[in-house]
């Protein structure tokens, strides 16, 4: 079965693949990377990600460094799975549950590869 995505989703997935293992970026940072003013639109694209884990949407978190959603859910087993995936990659968490600032990754100014 062919996986069909919109050009916007393809752009988001391409940029998301740039986030290295052991690091996270934010929905807002990813939105800036793809030239979008809406972090929510990026979240919606990631919610529909048919390419996981090759497109590592678990590495995208809220600007507050809280986990945000995962697999279309904002709490429960899905978000616990997101945290487990990040822990497996070595991402550090504060006692409050937020990602430690040293693990937040910023995109370079280089042009985004939009292929997923």
PDB file of N, CA and C in Angstrom:
ATOM      1  N   UNK A   1       0.844  -1.187   0.000  1.00  0.00           N
ATOM      2  CA  UNK A   1       0.000   0.000   0.000  1.00  0.00           C
ATOM      3  C   UNK A   1       0.889   1.251   0.000  1.00  0.00           C
ATOM      4  N   UNK A   2       0.629   2.125  -0.922  1.00  0.00           N
ATOM      5  CA  UNK A   2       1.410   3.354  -1.037  1.00  0.00           C
ATOM      6  C   UNK A   2       1.012   4.348   0.048  1.00  0.00           C
ATOM      7  N   UNK A   3       2.015   4.989   0.616  1.00  0.00           N
ATOM      8  CA  UNK A   3       1.772   5.982   1.649  1.00  0.00           C
ATOM      9  C   UNK A   3       1.721   7.353   0.994  1.00  0.00           C
ATOM     10  N   UNK A   4       0.559   7.985   0.996  1.00  0.00           N
ATOM     11  CA  UNK A   4       0.399   9.291   0.369  1.00  0.00           C
ATOM     12  C   UNK A   4       0.444  10.378   1.430  1.00  0.00           C
ATOM     13  N   UNK A   5       1.228  11.385   1.131  1.00  0.00           N
ATOM     14  CA  UNK A   5       1.329  12.523   2.035  1.00  0.00           C
ATOM     15  C   UNK A   5       1.225  13.802   1.218  1.00  0.00           C
ATOM     16  N   UNK A   6       0.830  14.872   1.882  1.00  0.00           N
ATOM     17  CA  UNK A   6       0.749  16.171   1.218  1.00  0.00           C
ATOM     18  C   UNK A   6       2.157  16.755   1.078  1.00  0.00           C
ATOM     19  N   UNK A   7       2.327  17.734   0.207  1.00  0.00           N
ATOM     20  CA  UNK A   7       3.634  18.399   0.119  1.00  0.00           C
ATOM     21  C   UNK A   7       4.072  18.997   1.465  1.00  0.00           C
ATOM     22  N   UNK A   8       3.131  19.553   2.220  1.00  0.00           N
ATOM     23  CA  UNK A   8       3.470  20.106   3.537  1.00  0.00           C
ATOM     24  C   UNK A   8       3.952  18.999   4.479  1.00  0.00           C
ATOM     25  N   UNK A   9       3.232  17.895   4.544  1.00  0.00           N
ATOM     26  CA  UNK A   9       3.647  16.782   5.393  1.00  0.00           C
ATOM     27  C   UNK A   9       5.031  16.295   4.975  1.00  0.00           C
ATOM     28  N   UNK A  10       5.263  16.185   3.692  1.00  0.00           N
ATOM     29  CA  UNK A  10       6.558  15.735   3.187  1.00  0.00           C
ATOM     30  C   UNK A  10       7.677  16.662   3.660  1.00  0.00           C
ATOM     31  N   UNK A  11       7.429  17.948   3.641  1.00  0.00           N
ATOM     32  CA  UNK A  11       8.408  18.935   4.105  1.00  0.00           C
ATOM     33  C   UNK A  11       8.681  18.761   5.605  1.00  0.00           C
ATOM     34  N   UNK A  12       7.615  18.585   6.384  1.00  0.00           N
ATOM     35  CA  UNK A  12       7.750  18.387   7.835  1.00  0.00           C
ATOM     36  C   UNK A  12       8.528  17.105   8.119  1.00  0.00           C
ATOM     37  N   UNK A  13       8.190  16.024   7.429  1.00  0.00           N
ATOM     38  CA  UNK A  13       8.866  14.753   7.669  1.00  0.00           C
ATOM     39  C   UNK A  13      10.347  14.837   7.289  1.00  0.00           C
ATOM     40  N   UNK A  14      10.656  15.526   6.196  1.00  0.00           N
ATOM     41  CA  UNK A  14      12.047  15.698   5.805  1.00  0.00           C
ATOM     42  C   UNK A  14      12.847  16.443   6.859  1.00  0.00           C
ATOM     43  N   UNK A  15      12.270  17.505   7.392  1.00  0.00           N
ATOM     44  CA  UNK A  15      12.951  18.282   8.430  1.00  0.00           C
ATOM     45  C   UNK A  15      13.059  17.481   9.725  1.00  0.00           C
ATOM     46  N   UNK A  16      12.042  16.745  10.055  1.00  0.00           N
ATOM     47  CA  UNK A  16      12.053  15.947  11.291  1.00  0.00           C
ATOM     48  C   UNK A  16      13.184  14.913  11.258  1.00  0.00           C
ATOM     49  N   UNK A  17      13.476  14.388  10.078  1.00  0.00           N
ATOM     50  CA  UNK A  17      14.550  13.399   9.948  1.00  0.00           C
ATOM     51  C   UNK A  17      15.921  13.993  10.266  1.00  0.00           C
ATOM     52  N   UNK A  18      16.036  15.308  10.258  1.00  0.00           N
ATOM     53  CA  UNK A  18      17.305  15.968  10.572  1.00  0.00           C
ATOM     54  C   UNK A  18      17.620  15.969  12.069  1.00  0.00           C
ATOM     55  N   UNK A  19      16.620  15.758  12.901  1.00  0.00           N
ATOM     56  CA  UNK A  19      16.826  15.790  14.355  1.00  0.00           C
ATOM     57  C   UNK A  19      17.592  14.524  14.749  1.00  0.00           C
ATOM     58  N   UNK A  20      18.784  14.686  15.295  1.00  0.00           N
ATOM     59  CA  UNK A  20      19.593  13.493  15.607  1.00  0.00           C
ATOM     60  C   UNK A  20      19.068  12.723  16.819  1.00  0.00           C
ATOM     61  N   UNK A  21      19.367  11.444  16.846  1.00  0.00           N
ATOM     62  CA  UNK A  21      19.030  10.615  18.009  1.00  0.00           C
ATOM     63  C   UNK A  21      19.676  11.224  19.246  1.00  0.00           C
ATOM     64  N   UNK A  22      18.956  11.184  20.356  1.00  0.00           N
ATOM     65  CA  UNK A  22      19.471  11.732  21.605  1.00  0.00           C
ATOM     66  C   UNK A  22      19.209  13.217  21.759  1.00  0.00           C
ATOM     67  N   UNK A  23      18.478  13.808  20.829  1.00  0.00           N
ATOM     68  CA  UNK A  23      18.130  15.223  20.885  1.00  0.00           C
ATOM     69  C   UNK A  23      16.648  15.381  20.564  1.00  0.00           C
ATOM     70  N   UNK A  24      16.089  16.511  20.933  1.00  0.00           N
ATOM     71  CA  UNK A  24      14.713  16.849  20.573  1.00  0.00           C
ATOM     72  C   UNK A  24      14.701  18.249  19.980  1.00  0.00           C
ATOM     73  N   UNK A  25      13.656  18.544  19.241  1.00  0.00           N
ATOM     74  CA  UNK A  25      13.389  19.905  18.798  1.00  0.00           C
ATOM     75  C   UNK A  25      11.944  20.201  19.174  1.00  0.00           C
ATOM     76  N   UNK A  26      11.503  21.409  18.919  1.00  0.00           N
ATOM     77  CA  UNK A  26      10.136  21.784  19.291  1.00  0.00           C
ATOM     78  C   UNK A  26       9.251  21.898  18.056  1.00  0.00           C
ATOM     79  N   UNK A  27       7.953  21.835  18.283  1.00  0.00           N
ATOM     80  CA  UNK A  27       7.004  22.029  17.192  1.00  0.00           C
ATOM     81  C   UNK A  27       7.228  23.398  16.551  1.00  0.00           C
ATOM     82  N   UNK A  28       7.477  24.417  17.370  1.00  0.00           N
ATOM     83  CA  UNK A  28       7.700  25.776  16.852  1.00  0.00           C
ATOM     84  C   UNK A  28       8.981  25.855  16.025  1.00  0.00           C
ATOM     85  N   UNK A  29      10.043  25.236  16.500  1.00  0.00           N
ATOM     86  CA  UNK A  29      11.312  25.240  15.771  1.00  0.00           C
ATOM     87  C   UNK A  29      11.163  24.495  14.446  1.00  0.00           C
ATOM     88  N   UNK A  30      10.467  23.384  14.460  1.00  0.00           N
ATOM     89  CA  UNK A  30      10.234  22.614  13.237  1.00  0.00           C
ATOM     90  C   UNK A  30       9.375  23.426  12.262  1.00  0.00           C
ATOM     91  N   UNK A  31       8.384  24.136  12.781  1.00  0.00           N
ATOM     92  CA  UNK A  31       7.549  24.995  11.936  1.00  0.00           C
ATOM     93  C   UNK A  31       8.409  26.069  11.261  1.00  0.00           C
ATOM     94  N   UNK A  32       9.293  26.712  12.027  1.00  0.00           N
ATOM     95  CA  UNK A  32      10.195  27.708  11.440  1.00  0.00           C
ATOM     96  C   UNK A  32      11.068  27.080  10.356  1.00  0.00           C
ATOM     97  N   UNK A  33      11.528  25.881  10.605  1.00  0.00           N
ATOM     98  CA  UNK A  33      12.413  25.188   9.666  1.00  0.00           C
ATOM     99  C   UNK A  33      11.751  24.982   8.316  1.00  0.00           C
ATOM    100  N   UNK A  34      10.446  24.701   8.335  1.00  0.00           N
ATOM    101  CA  UNK A  34       9.742  24.433   7.076  1.00  0.00           C
ATOM    102  C   UNK A  34       9.001  25.659   6.546  1.00  0.00           C
ATOM    103  N   UNK A  35       9.192  26.813   7.215  1.00  0.00           N
ATOM    104  CA  UNK A  35       8.574  28.049   6.736  1.00  0.00           C
ATOM    105  C   UNK A  35       7.093  28.153   7.024  1.00  0.00           C
ATOM    106  N   UNK A  36       6.680  27.619   8.151  1.00  0.00           N
ATOM    107  CA  UNK A  36       5.268  27.615   8.547  1.00  0.00           C
ATOM    108  C   UNK A  36       5.106  28.423   9.824  1.00  0.00           C
ATOM    109  N   UNK A  37       4.045  29.191   9.916  1.00  0.00           N
ATOM    110  CA  UNK A  37       3.804  30.005  11.103  1.00  0.00           C
ATOM    111  C   UNK A  37       3.045  29.253  12.196  1.00  0.00           C
ATOM    112  N   UNK A  38       2.676  28.008  11.945  1.00  0.00           N
ATOM    113  CA  UNK A  38       1.813  27.288  12.880  1.00  0.00           C
ATOM    114  C   UNK A  38       2.436  26.005  13.416  1.00  0.00           C
ATOM    115  N   UNK A  39       2.910  26.039  14.673  1.00  0.00           N
ATOM    116  CA  UNK A  39       3.372  24.792  15.291  1.00  0.00           C
ATOM    117  C   UNK A  39       2.277  23.731  15.353  1.00  0.00           C
ATOM    118  N   UNK A  40       1.026  24.166  15.466  1.00  0.00           N
ATOM    119  CA  UNK A  40      -0.085  23.199  15.501  1.00  0.00           C
ATOM    120  C   UNK A  40      -0.211  22.439  14.188  1.00  0.00           C
ATOM    121  N   UNK A  41       0.023  23.125  13.073  1.00  0.00           N
ATOM    122  CA  UNK A  41      -0.025  22.459  11.767  1.00  0.00           C
ATOM    123  C   UNK A  41       1.061  21.391  11.685  1.00  0.00           C
ATOM    124  N   UNK A  42       2.235  21.691  12.225  1.00  0.00           N
ATOM    125  CA  UNK A  42       3.320  20.717  12.268  1.00  0.00           C
ATOM    126  C   UNK A  42       2.896  19.526  13.123  1.00  0.00           C
ATOM    127  N   UNK A  43       2.284  19.794  14.274  1.00  0.00           N
ATOM    128  CA  UNK A  43       1.801  18.715  15.131  1.00  0.00           C
ATOM    129  C   UNK A  43       0.784  17.829  14.430  1.00  0.00           C
ATOM    130  N   UNK A  44      -0.098  18.441  13.656  1.00  0.00           N
ATOM    131  CA  UNK A  44      -1.090  17.663  12.912  1.00  0.00           C
ATOM    132  C   UNK A  44      -0.419  16.788  11.848  1.00  0.00           C
ATOM    133  N   UNK A  45       0.598  17.332  11.191  1.00  0.00           N
ATOM    134  CA  UNK A  45       1.331  16.536  10.196  1.00  0.00           C
ATOM    135  C   UNK A  45       2.019  15.349  10.869  1.00  0.00           C
ATOM    136  N   UNK A  46       2.636  15.601  12.018  1.00  0.00           N
ATOM    137  CA  UNK A  46       3.336  14.518  12.726  1.00  0.00           C
ATOM    138  C   UNK A  46       2.363  13.474  13.258  1.00  0.00           C
ATOM    139  N   UNK A  47       1.181  13.910  13.634  1.00  0.00           N
ATOM    140  CA  UNK A  47       0.155  12.991  14.126  1.00  0.00           C
ATOM    141  C   UNK A  47      -0.183  11.936  13.071  1.00  0.00           C
ATOM    142  N   UNK A  48      -0.050  12.308  11.799  1.00  0.00           N
ATOM    143  CA  UNK A  48      -0.386  11.412  10.686  1.00  0.00           C
ATOM    144  C   UNK A  48       0.836  10.713  10.094  1.00  0.00           C
ATOM    145  N   UNK A  49       1.973  10.784  10.754  1.00  0.00           N
ATOM    146  CA  UNK A  49       3.244  10.273  10.233  1.00  0.00           C
ATOM    147  C   UNK A  49       3.176   8.770   9.918  1.00  0.00           C
ATOM    148  N   UNK A  50       3.156   8.411   8.627  1.00  0.00           N
ATOM    149  CA  UNK A  50       3.132   6.992   8.278  1.00  0.00           C
ATOM    150  C   UNK A  50       4.525   6.367   8.174  1.00  0.00           C
ATOM    151  N   UNK A  51       5.566   7.160   8.418  1.00  0.00           N
ATOM    152  CA  UNK A  51       6.938   6.704   8.210  1.00  0.00           C
ATOM    153  C   UNK A  51       7.708   6.439   9.500  1.00  0.00           C
ATOM    154  N   UNK A  52       7.033   6.458  10.640  1.00  0.00           N
ATOM    155  CA  UNK A  52       7.722   6.190  11.911  1.00  0.00           C
ATOM    156  C   UNK A  52       8.227   4.755  11.901  1.00  0.00           C
ATOM    157  N   UNK A  53       9.379   4.490  12.415  1.00  0.00           N
ATOM    158  CA  UNK A  53      10.289   5.370  13.135  1.00  0.00           C
ATOM    159  C   UNK A  53      11.335   6.057  12.249  1.00  0.00           C
ATOM    160  N   UNK A  54      11.301   5.801  10.902  1.00  0.00           N
ATOM    161  CA  UNK A  54      12.279   6.459  10.029  1.00  0.00           C
ATOM    162  C   UNK A  54      12.159   7.980  10.116  1.00  0.00           C
ATOM    163  N   UNK A  55      10.933   8.469  10.253  1.00  0.00           N
ATOM    164  CA  UNK A  55      10.697   9.884  10.541  1.00  0.00           C
ATOM    165  C   UNK A  55      10.411   9.945  12.039  1.00  0.00           C
ATOM    166  N   UNK A  56      11.398  10.374  12.833  1.00  0.00           N
ATOM    167  CA  UNK A  56      11.328  10.247  14.297  1.00  0.00           C
ATOM    168  C   UNK A  56      10.490  11.343  14.974  1.00  0.00           C
ATOM    169  N   UNK A  57       9.184  11.278  14.785  1.00  0.00           N
ATOM    170  CA  UNK A  57       8.306  12.315  15.336  1.00  0.00           C
ATOM    171  C   UNK A  57       8.327  12.351  16.865  1.00  0.00           C
ATOM    172  N   UNK A  58       8.805  11.280  17.504  1.00  0.00           N
ATOM    173  CA  UNK A  58       8.909  11.281  18.966  1.00  0.00           C
ATOM    174  C   UNK A  58       9.944  12.291  19.450  1.00  0.00           C
ATOM    175  N   UNK A  59      10.789  12.790  18.556  1.00  0.00           N
ATOM    176  CA  UNK A  59      11.831  13.755  18.930  1.00  0.00           C
ATOM    177  C   UNK A  59      11.340  15.200  18.885  1.00  0.00           C
ATOM    178  N   UNK A  60      10.054  15.414  18.711  1.00  0.00           N
ATOM    179  CA  UNK A  60       9.498  16.768  18.665  1.00  0.00           C
ATOM    180  C   UNK A  60       8.635  16.978  19.910  1.00  0.00           C
ATOM    181  N   UNK A  61       8.943  18.057  20.640  1.00  0.00           N
ATOM    182  CA  UNK A  61       8.282  18.329  21.916  1.00  0.00           C
ATOM    183  C   UNK A  61       7.760  19.768  21.940  1.00  0.00           C
ATOM    184  N   UNK A  62       7.020  20.095  22.976  1.00  0.00           N
ATOM    185  CA  UNK A  62       6.491  21.448  23.149  1.00  0.00           C
ATOM    186  C   UNK A  62       7.613  22.439  23.461  1.00  0.00           C
ATOM    187  N   UNK A  63       7.387  23.717  23.172  1.00  0.00           N
ATOM    188  CA  UNK A  63       8.384  24.756  23.457  1.00  0.00           C
ATOM    189  C   UNK A  63       8.723  24.850  24.933  1.00  0.00           C
ATOM    190  N   UNK A  64       7.820  24.408  25.780  1.00  0.00           N
ATOM    191  CA  UNK A  64       8.046  24.388  27.230  1.00  0.00           C
ATOM    192  C   UNK A  64       8.989  23.258  27.638  1.00  0.00           C
ATOM    193  N   UNK A  65       9.394  22.439  26.669  1.00  0.00           N
ATOM    194  CA  UNK A  65      10.207  21.236  26.867  1.00  0.00           C
ATOM    195  C   UNK A  65       9.411  20.095  27.501  1.00  0.00           C
ATOM    196  N   UNK A  66       8.086  20.250  27.557  1.00  0.00           N
ATOM    197  CA  UNK A  66       7.237  19.139  27.968  1.00  0.00           C
ATOM    198  C   UNK A  66       7.033  18.248  26.748  1.00  0.00           C
ATOM    199  N   UNK A  67       6.636  17.011  26.960  1.00  0.00           N
ATOM    200  CA  UNK A  67       6.577  16.053  25.866  1.00  0.00           C
ATOM    201  C   UNK A  67       5.594  16.418  24.765  1.00  0.00           C
ATOM    202  N   UNK A  68       4.475  17.030  25.096  1.00  0.00           N
ATOM    203  CA  UNK A  68       3.457  17.262  24.075  1.00  0.00           C
ATOM    204  C   UNK A  68       2.754  15.951  23.778  1.00  0.00           C
ATOM    205  N   UNK A  69       2.168  15.856  22.598  1.00  0.00           N
ATOM    206  CA  UNK A  69       1.410  14.664  22.251  1.00  0.00           C
ATOM    207  C   UNK A  69       2.235  13.632  21.511  1.00  0.00           C
ATOM    208  N   UNK A  70       1.582  12.483  21.288  1.00  0.00           N
ATOM    209  CA  UNK A  70       2.203  11.406  20.524  1.00  0.00           C
ATOM    210  C   UNK A  70       1.106  10.494  20.009  1.00  0.00           C
ATOM    211  N   UNK A  71       1.171  10.156  18.748  1.00  0.00           N
ATOM    212  CA  UNK A  71       0.174   9.284  18.110  1.00  0.00           C
ATOM    213  C   UNK A  71      -1.247   9.825  18.287  1.00  0.00           C
ATOM    214  N   UNK A  72      -1.378  11.138  18.266  1.00  0.00           N
ATOM    215  CA  UNK A  72      -2.694  11.755  18.364  1.00  0.00           C
ATOM    216  C   UNK A  72      -3.249  11.861  19.763  1.00  0.00           C
ATOM    217  N   UNK A  73      -2.488  11.517  20.762  1.00  0.00           N
ATOM    218  CA  UNK A  73      -2.947  11.576  22.156  1.00  0.00           C
ATOM    219  C   UNK A  73      -2.070  12.536  22.945  1.00  0.00           C
ATOM    220  N   UNK A  74      -2.660  13.208  23.938  1.00  0.00           N
ATOM    221  CA  UNK A  74      -1.890  14.153  24.751  1.00  0.00           C
ATOM    222  C   UNK A  74      -1.544  13.601  26.131  1.00  0.00           C
ATOM    223  N   UNK A  75      -1.962  12.363  26.401  1.00  0.00           N
ATOM    224  CA  UNK A  75      -1.633  11.727  27.677  1.00  0.00           C
ATOM    225  C   UNK A  75      -1.793  10.218  27.528  1.00  0.00           C
ATOM    226  N   UNK A  76      -1.446   9.514  28.587  1.00  0.00           N
ATOM    227  CA  UNK A  76      -1.648   8.071  28.605  1.00  0.00           C
ATOM    228  C   UNK A  76      -0.494   7.277  28.032  1.00  0.00           C
ATOM    229  N   UNK A  77      -0.816   6.085  27.568  1.00  0.00           N
ATOM    230  CA  UNK A  77       0.190   5.126  27.113  1.00  0.00           C
ATOM    231  C   UNK A  77       1.019   5.650  25.945  1.00  0.00           C
ATOM    232  N   UNK A  78       0.399   6.416  25.052  1.00  0.00           N
ATOM    233  CA  UNK A  78       1.131   6.923  23.898  1.00  0.00           C
ATOM    234  C   UNK A  78       2.235   7.874  24.318  1.00  0.00           C
ATOM    235  N   UNK A  79       1.930   8.793  25.227  1.00  0.00           N
ATOM    236  CA  UNK A  79       2.933   9.757  25.686  1.00  0.00           C
ATOM    237  C   UNK A  79       3.999   9.044  26.527  1.00  0.00           C
ATOM    238  N   UNK A  80       3.607   8.040  27.284  1.00  0.00           N
ATOM    239  CA  UNK A  80       4.584   7.243  28.035  1.00  0.00           C
ATOM    240  C   UNK A  80       5.533   6.535  27.056  1.00  0.00           C
ATOM    241  N   UNK A  81       5.009   6.078  25.937  1.00  0.00           N
ATOM    242  CA  UNK A  81       5.843   5.437  24.916  1.00  0.00           C
ATOM    243  C   UNK A  81       6.821   6.445  24.323  1.00  0.00           C
ATOM    244  N   UNK A  82       6.361   7.674  24.075  1.00  0.00           N
ATOM    245  CA  UNK A  82       7.238   8.726  23.559  1.00  0.00           C
ATOM    246  C   UNK A  82       8.398   8.962  24.528  1.00  0.00           C
ATOM    247  N   UNK A  83       8.097   9.051  25.807  1.00  0.00           N
ATOM    248  CA  UNK A  83       9.141   9.257  26.804  1.00  0.00           C
ATOM    249  C   UNK A  83      10.113   8.080  26.823  1.00  0.00           C
ATOM    250  N   UNK A  84       9.589   6.869  26.744  1.00  0.00           N
ATOM    251  CA  UNK A  84      10.448   5.681  26.739  1.00  0.00           C
ATOM    252  C   UNK A  84      11.380   5.683  25.534  1.00  0.00           C
ATOM    253  N   UNK A  85      10.875   6.064  24.372  1.00  0.00           N
ATOM    254  CA  UNK A  85      11.715   6.138  23.172  1.00  0.00           C
ATOM    255  C   UNK A  85      12.835   7.157  23.353  1.00  0.00           C
ATOM    256  N   UNK A  86      12.501   8.313  23.935  1.00  0.00           N
ATOM    257  CA  UNK A  86      13.511   9.348  24.163  1.00  0.00           C
ATOM    258  C   UNK A  86      14.542   8.894  25.200  1.00  0.00           C
ATOM    259  N   UNK A  87      14.091   8.242  26.243  1.00  0.00           N
ATOM    260  CA  UNK A  87      15.019   7.721  27.250  1.00  0.00           C
ATOM    261  C   UNK A  87      15.969   6.689  26.632  1.00  0.00           C
ATOM    262  N   UNK A  88      15.443   5.828  25.767  1.00  0.00           N
ATOM    263  CA  UNK A  88      16.277   4.829  25.085  1.00  0.00           C
ATOM    264  C   UNK A  88      17.368   5.491  24.250  1.00  0.00           C
ATOM    265  N   UNK A  89      17.077   6.683  23.728  1.00  0.00           N
ATOM    266  CA  UNK A  89      18.053   7.415  22.916  1.00  0.00           C
ATOM    267  C   UNK A  89      19.009   8.243  23.774  1.00  0.00           C
ATOM    268  N   UNK A  90      18.773   8.277  25.098  1.00  0.00           N
ATOM    269  CA  UNK A  90      19.673   9.001  25.982  1.00  0.00           C
ATOM    270  C   UNK A  90      19.261  10.421  26.301  1.00  0.00           C
ATOM    271  N   UNK A  91      18.053  10.813  25.933  1.00  0.00           N
ATOM    272  CA  UNK A  91      17.573  12.159  26.241  1.00  0.00           C
ATOM    273  C   UNK A  91      17.384  12.283  27.754  1.00  0.00           C
ATOM    274  N   UNK A  92      17.856  13.381  28.316  1.00  0.00           N
ATOM    275  CA  UNK A  92      17.756  13.606  29.753  1.00  0.00           C
ATOM    276  C   UNK A  92      16.514  14.385  30.135  1.00  0.00           C
ATOM    277  N   UNK A  93      15.947  14.024  31.274  1.00  0.00           N
ATOM    278  CA  UNK A  93      14.749  14.674  31.790  1.00  0.00           C
ATOM    279  C   UNK A  93      15.024  15.284  33.160  1.00  0.00           C
ATOM    280  N   UNK A  94      14.397  16.431  33.412  1.00  0.00           N
ATOM    281  CA  UNK A  94      14.433  17.038  34.744  1.00  0.00           C
ATOM    282  C   UNK A  94      13.447  16.300  35.645  1.00  0.00           C
ATOM    283  N   UNK A  95      13.536  16.534  36.948  1.00  0.00           N
ATOM    284  CA  UNK A  95      12.600  15.919  37.895  1.00  0.00           C
ATOM    285  C   UNK A  95      11.159  16.332  37.613  1.00  0.00           C
ATOM    286  N   UNK A  96      10.965  17.480  36.977  1.00  0.00           N
ATOM    287  CA  UNK A  96       9.625  17.975  36.650  1.00  0.00           C
ATOM    288  C   UNK A  96       9.008  17.249  35.462  1.00  0.00           C
ATOM    289  N   UNK A  97       9.818  16.438  34.765  1.00  0.00           N
ATOM    290  CA  UNK A  97       9.336  15.741  33.579  1.00  0.00           C
ATOM    291  C   UNK A  97       9.683  16.448  32.282  1.00  0.00           C
ATOM    292  N   UNK A  98      10.242  17.648  32.372  1.00  0.00           N
ATOM    293  CA  UNK A  98      10.636  18.381  31.170  1.00  0.00           C
ATOM    294  C   UNK A  98      11.977  17.868  30.661  1.00  0.00           C
ATOM    295  N   UNK A  99      12.190  18.042  29.362  1.00  0.00           N
ATOM    296  CA  UNK A  99      13.480  17.702  28.758  1.00  0.00           C
ATOM    297  C   UNK A  99      14.527  18.685  29.286  1.00  0.00           C
ATOM    298  N   UNK A 100      15.702  18.191  29.622  1.00  0.00           N
ATOM    299  CA  UNK A 100      16.791  19.077  30.040  1.00  0.00           C
ATOM    300  C   UNK A 100      17.203  19.957  28.857  1.00  0.00           C
ATOM    301  N   UNK A 101      17.477  21.241  29.113  1.00  0.00           N
ATOM    302  CA  UNK A 101      17.787  22.175  28.014  1.00  0.00           C
ATOM    303  C   UNK A 101      18.935  21.729  27.116  1.00  0.00           C
ATOM    304  N   UNK A 102      19.916  21.043  27.648  1.00  0.00           N
ATOM    305  CA  UNK A 102      21.067  20.616  26.850  1.00  0.00           C
ATOM    306  C   UNK A 102      20.703  19.629  25.743  1.00  0.00           C
ATOM    307  N   UNK A 103      19.523  19.044  25.800  1.00  0.00           N
ATOM    308  CA  UNK A 103      19.115  18.052  24.813  1.00  0.00           C
ATOM    309  C   UNK A 103      18.246  18.646  23.704  1.00  0.00           C
ATOM    310  N   UNK A 104      17.971  19.958  23.781  1.00  0.00           N
ATOM    311  CA  UNK A 104      17.159  20.614  22.757  1.00  0.00           C
ATOM    312  C   UNK A 104      18.066  21.006  21.601  1.00  0.00           C
ATOM    313  N   UNK A 105      17.708  20.574  20.426  1.00  0.00           N
ATOM    314  CA  UNK A 105      18.514  20.759  19.224  1.00  0.00           C
ATOM    315  C   UNK A 105      17.886  21.827  18.337  1.00  0.00           C
ATOM    316  N   UNK A 106      18.719  22.689  17.766  1.00  0.00           N
ATOM    317  CA  UNK A 106      18.257  23.742  16.855  1.00  0.00           C
ATOM    318  C   UNK A 106      18.686  23.393  15.435  1.00  0.00           C
ATOM    319  N   UNK A 107      17.818  23.692  14.489  1.00  0.00           N
ATOM    320  CA  UNK A 107      18.137  23.465  13.083  1.00  0.00           C
ATOM    321  C   UNK A 107      19.152  24.493  12.615  1.00  0.00           C
ATOM    322  N   UNK A 108      20.008  24.082  11.692  1.00  0.00           N
ATOM    323  CA  UNK A 108      20.943  25.021  11.074  1.00  0.00           C
ATOM    324  C   UNK A 108      20.163  25.858  10.066  1.00  0.00           C
ATOM    325  N   UNK A 109      20.796  26.857   9.514  1.00  0.00           N
ATOM    326  CA  UNK A 109      20.143  27.710   8.532  1.00  0.00           C
ATOM    327  C   UNK A 109      20.161  27.107   7.133  1.00  0.00           C
ATOM    328  N   UNK A 110      20.780  25.937   6.986  1.00  0.00           N
ATOM    329  CA  UNK A 110      20.844  25.292   5.682  1.00  0.00           C
ATOM    330  C   UNK A 110      19.450  24.935   5.182  1.00  0.00           C
ATOM    331  N   UNK A 111      19.299  24.838   3.901  1.00  0.00           N
ATOM    332  CA  UNK A 111      18.016  24.526   3.273  1.00  0.00           C
ATOM    333  C   UNK A 111      17.544  23.126   3.680  1.00  0.00           C
ATOM    334  N   UNK A 112      16.264  23.011   3.947  1.00  0.00           N
ATOM    335  CA  UNK A 112      15.653  21.738   4.356  1.00  0.00           C
ATOM    336  C   UNK A 112      15.495  20.795   3.168  1.00  0.00           C
ATOM    337  N   UNK A 113      15.873  19.542   3.334  1.00  0.00           N
ATOM    338  CA  UNK A 113      15.603  18.509   2.349  1.00  0.00           C
ATOM    339  C   UNK A 113      14.184  18.038   2.579  1.00  0.00           C
ATOM    340  N   UNK A 114      13.302  18.217   1.623  1.00  0.00           N
ATOM    341  CA  UNK A 114      11.888  17.920   1.829  1.00  0.00           C
ATOM    342  C   UNK A 114      11.502  16.494   1.462  1.00  0.00           C
ATOM    343  N   UNK A 115      12.447  15.608   1.240  1.00  0.00           N
ATOM    344  CA  UNK A 115      12.078  14.231   0.923  1.00  0.00           C
ATOM    345  C   UNK A 115      11.994  13.404   2.203  1.00  0.00           C
ATOM    346  N   UNK A 116      10.938  12.621   2.293  1.00  0.00           N
ATOM    347  CA  UNK A 116      10.747  11.773   3.475  1.00  0.00           C
ATOM    348  C   UNK A 116      11.118  10.355   3.175  1.00  0.00           C
TER     349      UNK A 116
END
